[in-house]
């Protein structure tokens, strides 16, 4: 910033709008197959991360020398971004409201207080709730893809 520039005051944080995939359509049936593949690939990556985080059990997850906690924590943050920013509304709206709200709360706790996170809550999210939510996302993507196939 130069001396002549006026500083612009910053307002409250507001979330970014959802990312609109390529194509002009607003519903999933009009979006490209590539967009669905990208979302499915992201679900598979997250599924792998949650599996790695839980692979050695709860004690290892809570161990400060283990990478499992960090992997799980970051996977929760990425899953929340997928659900809240990347999924089309018609897919996100099919997900259980309680699961979305719980994910948002856990993501916020995890992102803001990582060093002192609630191990029990994060473990439940990583080992149970997140995989179930990924199953629901996968099913919704498959259903949307099947319904968009002409015939």
N, C-alpha and C. Protein backbone atom coordinates (compact mmCIF):
# COMPACT_ATOMS: atom_id res chain seq x y z
N UNK A 1 0.84 -1.16 0.00
CA UNK A 1 0.00 0.00 0.00
C UNK A 1 0.89 1.23 0.00
N UNK A 2 0.60 2.22 -0.84
CA UNK A 2 1.38 3.45 -0.88
C UNK A 2 0.78 4.47 0.06
N UNK A 3 1.54 5.55 0.33
CA UNK A 3 1.06 6.59 1.24
C UNK A 3 -0.24 7.21 0.76
N UNK A 4 -0.46 7.28 -0.53
CA UNK A 4 -1.65 7.91 -1.08
C UNK A 4 -2.90 7.04 -1.03
N UNK A 5 -2.72 5.75 -0.78
CA UNK A 5 -3.87 4.84 -0.72
C UNK A 5 -4.57 4.95 0.61
N UNK A 6 -5.88 4.99 0.56
CA UNK A 6 -6.66 4.98 1.79
C UNK A 6 -6.90 3.53 2.19
N UNK A 7 -6.80 3.26 3.47
CA UNK A 7 -7.04 1.89 3.93
C UNK A 7 -8.54 1.63 3.93
N UNK A 8 -8.90 0.51 3.35
CA UNK A 8 -10.30 0.13 3.29
C UNK A 8 -10.64 -0.64 4.55
N UNK A 9 -11.67 -0.19 5.31
CA UNK A 9 -12.02 -0.93 6.52
C UNK A 9 -12.59 -2.30 6.15
N UNK A 10 -12.26 -3.27 6.95
CA UNK A 10 -12.75 -4.62 6.71
C UNK A 10 -13.99 -4.86 7.56
N UNK A 11 -14.98 -5.46 6.93
CA UNK A 11 -16.22 -5.80 7.63
C UNK A 11 -16.11 -7.18 8.23
N UNK A 12 -17.22 -7.68 8.70
CA UNK A 12 -17.27 -9.04 9.25
C UNK A 12 -16.98 -10.03 8.14
N UNK A 13 -16.47 -11.14 8.53
CA UNK A 13 -16.20 -12.22 7.57
C UNK A 13 -17.51 -12.72 6.98
N UNK A 14 -17.52 -12.95 5.71
CA UNK A 14 -18.67 -13.61 5.09
C UNK A 14 -18.13 -14.74 4.23
N UNK A 15 -18.86 -15.83 4.23
CA UNK A 15 -18.43 -17.03 3.51
C UNK A 15 -18.38 -16.77 2.01
N UNK A 16 -17.46 -17.45 1.36
CA UNK A 16 -17.40 -17.38 -0.10
C UNK A 16 -18.65 -18.03 -0.66
N UNK A 17 -19.08 -17.56 -1.83
CA UNK A 17 -20.20 -18.27 -2.46
C UNK A 17 -19.74 -19.63 -2.94
N UNK A 18 -20.69 -20.54 -3.10
CA UNK A 18 -20.36 -21.87 -3.61
C UNK A 18 -19.67 -21.74 -4.95
N UNK A 19 -18.75 -22.64 -5.20
CA UNK A 19 -18.03 -22.68 -6.47
C UNK A 19 -18.99 -23.24 -7.51
N UNK A 20 -19.18 -22.51 -8.58
CA UNK A 20 -20.03 -22.99 -9.66
C UNK A 20 -19.19 -23.79 -10.64
N UNK A 21 -19.48 -25.06 -10.81
CA UNK A 21 -18.74 -25.87 -11.78
C UNK A 21 -18.97 -25.35 -13.20
N UNK A 22 -18.10 -25.80 -14.08
CA UNK A 22 -18.21 -25.38 -15.47
C UNK A 22 -19.59 -25.72 -16.02
N UNK A 23 -20.03 -24.96 -16.97
CA UNK A 23 -21.36 -25.16 -17.55
C UNK A 23 -22.31 -24.10 -17.02
N UNK A 24 -23.37 -23.86 -17.75
CA UNK A 24 -24.26 -22.78 -17.37
C UNK A 24 -25.45 -23.24 -16.55
N UNK A 25 -25.68 -24.54 -16.46
CA UNK A 25 -26.86 -25.04 -15.75
C UNK A 25 -26.72 -24.90 -14.26
N UNK A 26 -27.85 -24.79 -13.57
CA UNK A 26 -27.80 -24.64 -12.13
C UNK A 26 -28.09 -25.94 -11.40
N UNK A 27 -28.62 -26.97 -12.07
CA UNK A 27 -28.83 -28.23 -11.37
C UNK A 27 -27.81 -29.26 -11.84
N UNK A 28 -27.62 -30.29 -11.02
CA UNK A 28 -26.56 -31.26 -11.28
C UNK A 28 -26.73 -31.97 -12.60
N UNK A 29 -27.98 -32.19 -13.05
CA UNK A 29 -28.19 -32.91 -14.30
C UNK A 29 -27.63 -32.14 -15.49
N UNK A 30 -27.47 -30.84 -15.37
CA UNK A 30 -26.94 -30.03 -16.47
C UNK A 30 -25.43 -29.82 -16.35
N UNK A 31 -24.85 -30.25 -15.27
CA UNK A 31 -23.40 -30.07 -15.07
C UNK A 31 -22.65 -31.19 -15.78
N UNK A 32 -21.43 -30.92 -16.06
CA UNK A 32 -20.64 -31.90 -16.83
C UNK A 32 -20.31 -33.14 -16.02
N UNK A 33 -20.09 -34.24 -16.72
CA UNK A 33 -19.66 -35.48 -16.08
C UNK A 33 -18.32 -35.27 -15.38
N UNK A 34 -17.52 -34.40 -15.91
CA UNK A 34 -16.21 -34.12 -15.31
C UNK A 34 -16.37 -33.54 -13.90
N UNK A 35 -17.35 -32.69 -13.71
CA UNK A 35 -17.61 -32.12 -12.39
C UNK A 35 -18.01 -33.21 -11.40
N UNK A 36 -18.88 -34.12 -11.82
CA UNK A 36 -19.28 -35.24 -10.96
C UNK A 36 -18.08 -36.13 -10.63
N UNK A 37 -17.23 -36.36 -11.62
CA UNK A 37 -16.03 -37.17 -11.39
C UNK A 37 -15.10 -36.49 -10.39
N UNK A 38 -14.95 -35.19 -10.52
CA UNK A 38 -14.09 -34.44 -9.59
C UNK A 38 -14.62 -34.56 -8.16
N UNK A 39 -15.93 -34.43 -7.99
CA UNK A 39 -16.52 -34.56 -6.66
C UNK A 39 -16.37 -35.99 -6.13
N UNK A 40 -16.58 -36.97 -6.98
CA UNK A 40 -16.40 -38.37 -6.57
C UNK A 40 -14.96 -38.66 -6.19
N UNK A 41 -14.01 -38.09 -6.94
CA UNK A 41 -12.60 -38.26 -6.61
C UNK A 41 -12.27 -37.65 -5.25
N UNK A 42 -12.86 -36.51 -4.98
CA UNK A 42 -12.62 -35.85 -3.68
C UNK A 42 -13.21 -36.68 -2.54
N UNK A 43 -14.37 -37.28 -2.75
CA UNK A 43 -14.96 -38.17 -1.74
C UNK A 43 -14.02 -39.35 -1.49
N UNK A 44 -13.46 -39.93 -2.54
CA UNK A 44 -12.53 -41.06 -2.39
C UNK A 44 -11.27 -40.64 -1.64
N UNK A 45 -10.73 -39.46 -1.94
CA UNK A 45 -9.55 -38.97 -1.23
C UNK A 45 -9.84 -38.79 0.26
N UNK A 46 -11.00 -38.20 0.55
CA UNK A 46 -11.36 -37.99 1.95
C UNK A 46 -11.57 -39.33 2.67
N UNK A 47 -12.21 -40.26 2.00
CA UNK A 47 -12.42 -41.59 2.58
C UNK A 47 -11.07 -42.22 2.95
N UNK A 48 -10.09 -42.08 2.07
CA UNK A 48 -8.75 -42.61 2.32
C UNK A 48 -8.10 -41.92 3.52
N UNK A 49 -8.26 -40.62 3.63
CA UNK A 49 -7.67 -39.88 4.75
C UNK A 49 -8.30 -40.28 6.08
N UNK A 50 -9.62 -40.44 6.09
CA UNK A 50 -10.27 -40.87 7.32
C UNK A 50 -9.83 -42.29 7.70
N UNK A 51 -9.66 -43.15 6.72
CA UNK A 51 -9.18 -44.51 6.99
C UNK A 51 -7.77 -44.48 7.57
N UNK A 52 -6.90 -43.62 7.04
CA UNK A 52 -5.54 -43.50 7.56
C UNK A 52 -5.54 -42.96 8.98
N UNK A 53 -6.44 -42.02 9.26
CA UNK A 53 -6.50 -41.41 10.59
C UNK A 53 -6.96 -42.41 11.65
N UNK A 54 -7.79 -43.36 11.26
CA UNK A 54 -8.35 -44.30 12.24
C UNK A 54 -7.68 -45.68 12.21
N UNK A 55 -6.79 -45.87 11.28
CA UNK A 55 -6.16 -47.18 11.04
C UNK A 55 -5.58 -47.82 12.30
N UNK A 56 -4.93 -47.04 13.15
CA UNK A 56 -4.25 -47.61 14.31
C UNK A 56 -5.05 -47.48 15.61
N UNK A 57 -6.32 -47.09 15.50
CA UNK A 57 -7.19 -47.05 16.67
C UNK A 57 -7.19 -45.73 17.42
N UNK A 58 -8.05 -45.68 18.40
CA UNK A 58 -8.30 -44.45 19.15
C UNK A 58 -7.09 -44.01 19.98
N UNK A 59 -6.40 -44.96 20.59
CA UNK A 59 -5.24 -44.58 21.41
C UNK A 59 -4.16 -43.92 20.57
N UNK A 60 -3.90 -44.48 19.42
CA UNK A 60 -2.91 -43.90 18.52
C UNK A 60 -3.37 -42.53 18.03
N UNK A 61 -4.65 -42.40 17.78
CA UNK A 61 -5.21 -41.14 17.31
C UNK A 61 -4.97 -40.03 18.34
N UNK A 62 -5.11 -40.37 19.62
CA UNK A 62 -4.96 -39.38 20.69
C UNK A 62 -3.50 -39.14 21.07
N UNK A 63 -2.59 -40.00 20.61
CA UNK A 63 -1.18 -39.87 20.94
C UNK A 63 -0.59 -38.65 20.24
N UNK A 64 0.07 -37.79 21.01
CA UNK A 64 0.62 -36.55 20.44
C UNK A 64 1.74 -36.80 19.44
N UNK A 65 2.35 -37.98 19.47
CA UNK A 65 3.42 -38.29 18.51
C UNK A 65 2.88 -38.88 17.21
N UNK A 66 1.57 -39.12 17.14
CA UNK A 66 0.97 -39.73 15.96
C UNK A 66 0.51 -38.67 14.97
N UNK A 67 0.65 -39.00 13.69
CA UNK A 67 0.14 -38.11 12.65
C UNK A 67 -1.35 -38.29 12.42
N UNK A 68 -1.93 -39.33 13.01
CA UNK A 68 -3.34 -39.65 12.77
C UNK A 68 -4.26 -38.49 13.14
N UNK A 69 -3.99 -37.84 14.26
CA UNK A 69 -4.83 -36.72 14.69
C UNK A 69 -4.79 -35.60 13.65
N UNK A 70 -3.59 -35.26 13.18
CA UNK A 70 -3.45 -34.19 12.19
C UNK A 70 -4.16 -34.55 10.88
N UNK A 71 -4.01 -35.79 10.45
CA UNK A 71 -4.66 -36.24 9.23
C UNK A 71 -6.18 -36.15 9.38
N UNK A 72 -6.69 -36.62 10.51
CA UNK A 72 -8.13 -36.56 10.76
C UNK A 72 -8.64 -35.13 10.85
N UNK A 73 -7.88 -34.28 11.53
CA UNK A 73 -8.27 -32.88 11.68
C UNK A 73 -8.36 -32.19 10.32
N UNK A 74 -7.37 -32.38 9.50
CA UNK A 74 -7.38 -31.75 8.17
C UNK A 74 -8.46 -32.35 7.28
N UNK A 75 -8.70 -33.64 7.41
CA UNK A 75 -9.76 -34.27 6.62
C UNK A 75 -11.13 -33.70 6.99
N UNK A 76 -11.36 -33.43 8.27
CA UNK A 76 -12.63 -32.83 8.70
C UNK A 76 -12.78 -31.44 8.08
N UNK A 77 -11.72 -30.67 8.09
CA UNK A 77 -11.77 -29.32 7.50
C UNK A 77 -12.07 -29.41 6.00
N UNK A 78 -11.42 -30.34 5.31
CA UNK A 78 -11.66 -30.50 3.87
C UNK A 78 -13.07 -31.02 3.59
N UNK A 79 -13.57 -31.92 4.42
CA UNK A 79 -14.93 -32.42 4.23
C UNK A 79 -15.94 -31.29 4.42
N UNK A 80 -15.73 -30.46 5.42
CA UNK A 80 -16.63 -29.32 5.64
C UNK A 80 -16.62 -28.38 4.44
N UNK A 81 -15.44 -28.14 3.88
CA UNK A 81 -15.36 -27.29 2.68
C UNK A 81 -16.07 -27.94 1.50
N UNK A 82 -15.92 -29.25 1.36
CA UNK A 82 -16.62 -29.95 0.28
C UNK A 82 -18.13 -29.77 0.43
N UNK A 83 -18.64 -30.04 1.62
CA UNK A 83 -20.08 -29.97 1.86
C UNK A 83 -20.60 -28.54 1.74
N UNK A 84 -19.90 -27.59 2.31
CA UNK A 84 -20.41 -26.22 2.39
C UNK A 84 -20.07 -25.34 1.20
N UNK A 85 -19.05 -25.70 0.43
CA UNK A 85 -18.63 -24.81 -0.66
C UNK A 85 -18.63 -25.45 -2.04
N UNK A 86 -18.40 -26.75 -2.12
CA UNK A 86 -18.22 -27.36 -3.43
C UNK A 86 -19.41 -28.15 -3.94
N UNK A 87 -20.14 -28.78 -3.04
CA UNK A 87 -21.28 -29.58 -3.50
C UNK A 87 -22.38 -28.68 -4.03
N UNK A 88 -23.00 -29.06 -5.11
CA UNK A 88 -24.17 -28.31 -5.59
C UNK A 88 -25.26 -28.34 -4.52
N UNK A 89 -26.05 -27.30 -4.47
CA UNK A 89 -27.12 -27.19 -3.47
C UNK A 89 -28.03 -28.41 -3.45
N UNK A 90 -28.37 -28.92 -4.63
CA UNK A 90 -29.31 -30.04 -4.66
C UNK A 90 -28.71 -31.32 -4.07
N UNK A 91 -27.40 -31.42 -4.01
CA UNK A 91 -26.76 -32.55 -3.34
C UNK A 91 -26.64 -32.25 -1.84
N UNK A 92 -26.13 -31.08 -1.51
CA UNK A 92 -25.95 -30.70 -0.10
C UNK A 92 -27.28 -30.74 0.65
N UNK A 93 -28.35 -30.34 -0.01
CA UNK A 93 -29.66 -30.31 0.64
C UNK A 93 -30.22 -31.70 0.93
N UNK A 94 -29.68 -32.75 0.28
CA UNK A 94 -30.15 -34.11 0.56
C UNK A 94 -29.47 -34.72 1.78
N UNK A 95 -28.39 -34.10 2.23
CA UNK A 95 -27.66 -34.63 3.37
C UNK A 95 -28.39 -34.32 4.66
N UNK A 96 -28.30 -35.19 5.65
CA UNK A 96 -28.98 -34.94 6.92
C UNK A 96 -28.53 -33.63 7.55
N UNK A 97 -29.49 -32.82 7.93
CA UNK A 97 -29.21 -31.50 8.50
C UNK A 97 -28.33 -31.62 9.76
N UNK A 98 -28.66 -32.59 10.61
CA UNK A 98 -27.90 -32.78 11.84
C UNK A 98 -26.43 -33.09 11.53
N UNK A 99 -26.19 -33.90 10.52
CA UNK A 99 -24.82 -34.24 10.13
C UNK A 99 -24.08 -33.02 9.61
N UNK A 100 -24.75 -32.20 8.81
CA UNK A 100 -24.11 -30.99 8.28
C UNK A 100 -23.81 -30.00 9.40
N UNK A 101 -24.75 -29.82 10.32
CA UNK A 101 -24.54 -28.90 11.43
C UNK A 101 -23.44 -29.40 12.36
N UNK A 102 -23.43 -30.70 12.64
CA UNK A 102 -22.38 -31.28 13.48
C UNK A 102 -21.02 -31.16 12.84
N UNK A 103 -20.95 -31.37 11.53
CA UNK A 103 -19.69 -31.24 10.80
C UNK A 103 -19.20 -29.80 10.88
N UNK A 104 -20.09 -28.86 10.68
CA UNK A 104 -19.72 -27.44 10.73
C UNK A 104 -19.18 -27.09 12.12
N UNK A 105 -19.85 -27.54 13.17
CA UNK A 105 -19.40 -27.24 14.54
C UNK A 105 -18.03 -27.88 14.81
N UNK A 106 -17.87 -29.14 14.42
CA UNK A 106 -16.60 -29.83 14.65
C UNK A 106 -15.50 -29.19 13.84
N UNK A 107 -15.78 -28.81 12.63
CA UNK A 107 -14.79 -28.13 11.78
C UNK A 107 -14.34 -26.83 12.42
N UNK A 108 -15.28 -26.05 12.93
CA UNK A 108 -14.94 -24.77 13.55
C UNK A 108 -14.10 -24.97 14.80
N UNK A 109 -14.47 -25.93 15.62
CA UNK A 109 -13.69 -26.22 16.83
C UNK A 109 -12.29 -26.68 16.44
N UNK A 110 -12.21 -27.56 15.48
CA UNK A 110 -10.94 -28.11 15.03
C UNK A 110 -10.04 -27.03 14.44
N UNK A 111 -10.58 -26.20 13.58
CA UNK A 111 -9.78 -25.19 12.89
C UNK A 111 -9.30 -24.09 13.83
N UNK A 112 -10.09 -23.76 14.82
CA UNK A 112 -9.75 -22.64 15.70
C UNK A 112 -8.98 -23.05 16.95
N UNK A 113 -9.07 -24.30 17.32
CA UNK A 113 -8.49 -24.73 18.58
C UNK A 113 -7.79 -26.07 18.40
N UNK A 114 -7.00 -26.18 17.37
CA UNK A 114 -6.41 -27.46 17.00
C UNK A 114 -5.55 -28.07 18.10
N UNK A 115 -4.78 -27.28 18.78
CA UNK A 115 -3.87 -27.82 19.78
C UNK A 115 -4.61 -28.35 21.01
N UNK A 116 -5.80 -27.85 21.24
CA UNK A 116 -6.55 -28.25 22.43
C UNK A 116 -7.90 -28.83 22.05
N UNK A 117 -7.95 -29.51 20.92
CA UNK A 117 -9.21 -30.04 20.42
C UNK A 117 -9.82 -31.09 21.33
N UNK A 118 -11.06 -31.31 21.12
CA UNK A 118 -11.80 -32.33 21.87
C UNK A 118 -11.55 -33.66 21.18
N UNK A 119 -10.64 -34.47 21.74
CA UNK A 119 -10.27 -35.73 21.11
C UNK A 119 -11.45 -36.66 20.93
N UNK A 120 -12.34 -36.71 21.92
CA UNK A 120 -13.49 -37.62 21.83
C UNK A 120 -14.42 -37.22 20.69
N UNK A 121 -14.71 -35.92 20.58
CA UNK A 121 -15.59 -35.44 19.50
C UNK A 121 -14.95 -35.66 18.14
N UNK A 122 -13.68 -35.32 18.04
CA UNK A 122 -13.01 -35.47 16.75
C UNK A 122 -12.91 -36.95 16.37
N UNK A 123 -12.62 -37.82 17.34
CA UNK A 123 -12.56 -39.26 17.05
C UNK A 123 -13.91 -39.75 16.53
N UNK A 124 -14.99 -39.37 17.17
CA UNK A 124 -16.32 -39.80 16.72
C UNK A 124 -16.60 -39.30 15.30
N UNK A 125 -16.20 -38.08 15.03
CA UNK A 125 -16.41 -37.53 13.69
C UNK A 125 -15.59 -38.29 12.67
N UNK A 126 -14.31 -38.49 12.95
CA UNK A 126 -13.40 -39.12 12.01
C UNK A 126 -13.72 -40.61 11.81
N UNK A 127 -14.07 -41.29 12.88
CA UNK A 127 -14.26 -42.74 12.79
C UNK A 127 -15.68 -43.15 12.40
N UNK A 128 -16.66 -42.29 12.65
CA UNK A 128 -18.04 -42.71 12.42
C UNK A 128 -18.85 -41.73 11.57
N UNK A 129 -18.96 -40.50 12.03
CA UNK A 129 -19.86 -39.54 11.38
C UNK A 129 -19.40 -39.14 9.97
N UNK A 130 -18.11 -38.87 9.82
CA UNK A 130 -17.61 -38.46 8.50
C UNK A 130 -17.73 -39.57 7.46
N UNK A 131 -17.34 -40.81 7.78
CA UNK A 131 -17.54 -41.87 6.77
C UNK A 131 -19.02 -42.05 6.39
N UNK A 132 -19.92 -41.93 7.35
CA UNK A 132 -21.36 -42.04 7.03
C UNK A 132 -21.79 -40.89 6.13
N UNK A 133 -21.28 -39.70 6.39
CA UNK A 133 -21.61 -38.55 5.54
C UNK A 133 -21.04 -38.73 4.13
N UNK A 134 -19.84 -39.29 4.04
CA UNK A 134 -19.26 -39.58 2.72
C UNK A 134 -20.10 -40.60 1.96
N UNK A 135 -20.63 -41.59 2.67
CA UNK A 135 -21.53 -42.57 2.03
C UNK A 135 -22.76 -41.86 1.47
N UNK A 136 -23.33 -40.94 2.24
CA UNK A 136 -24.52 -40.21 1.79
C UNK A 136 -24.20 -39.33 0.59
N UNK A 137 -23.03 -38.69 0.60
CA UNK A 137 -22.62 -37.86 -0.54
C UNK A 137 -22.44 -38.73 -1.77
N UNK A 138 -21.76 -39.85 -1.60
CA UNK A 138 -21.54 -40.78 -2.71
C UNK A 138 -22.87 -41.25 -3.31
N UNK A 139 -23.80 -41.64 -2.44
CA UNK A 139 -25.11 -42.10 -2.92
C UNK A 139 -25.85 -40.99 -3.65
N UNK A 140 -25.80 -39.78 -3.12
CA UNK A 140 -26.48 -38.65 -3.77
C UNK A 140 -25.85 -38.33 -5.13
N UNK A 141 -24.53 -38.39 -5.22
CA UNK A 141 -23.85 -38.16 -6.50
C UNK A 141 -24.22 -39.23 -7.52
N UNK A 142 -24.26 -40.49 -7.08
CA UNK A 142 -24.62 -41.58 -7.98
C UNK A 142 -26.06 -41.45 -8.45
N UNK A 143 -26.97 -41.09 -7.53
CA UNK A 143 -28.36 -40.92 -7.89
C UNK A 143 -28.54 -39.78 -8.88
N UNK A 144 -27.82 -38.69 -8.66
CA UNK A 144 -27.91 -37.54 -9.57
C UNK A 144 -27.33 -37.90 -10.92
N UNK A 145 -26.25 -38.66 -10.93
CA UNK A 145 -25.63 -39.06 -12.19
C UNK A 145 -26.55 -40.00 -12.96
N UNK A 146 -27.20 -40.94 -12.24
CA UNK A 146 -28.11 -41.88 -12.88
C UNK A 146 -29.33 -41.18 -13.45
N UNK A 147 -29.82 -40.17 -12.73
CA UNK A 147 -31.01 -39.47 -13.19
C UNK A 147 -30.71 -38.53 -14.35
N UNK A 148 -29.43 -38.20 -14.56
CA UNK A 148 -29.09 -37.30 -15.66
C UNK A 148 -28.79 -38.06 -16.97
N UNK A 149 -28.72 -39.39 -16.87
CA UNK A 149 -28.47 -40.21 -18.07
C UNK A 149 -29.75 -40.27 -18.90
N UNK A 150 -29.68 -39.85 -20.16
CA UNK A 150 -30.90 -39.90 -20.97
C UNK A 150 -31.33 -41.33 -21.24
N UNK A 151 -32.63 -41.49 -21.33
CA UNK A 151 -33.08 -42.80 -21.71
C UNK A 151 -34.17 -43.24 -20.87
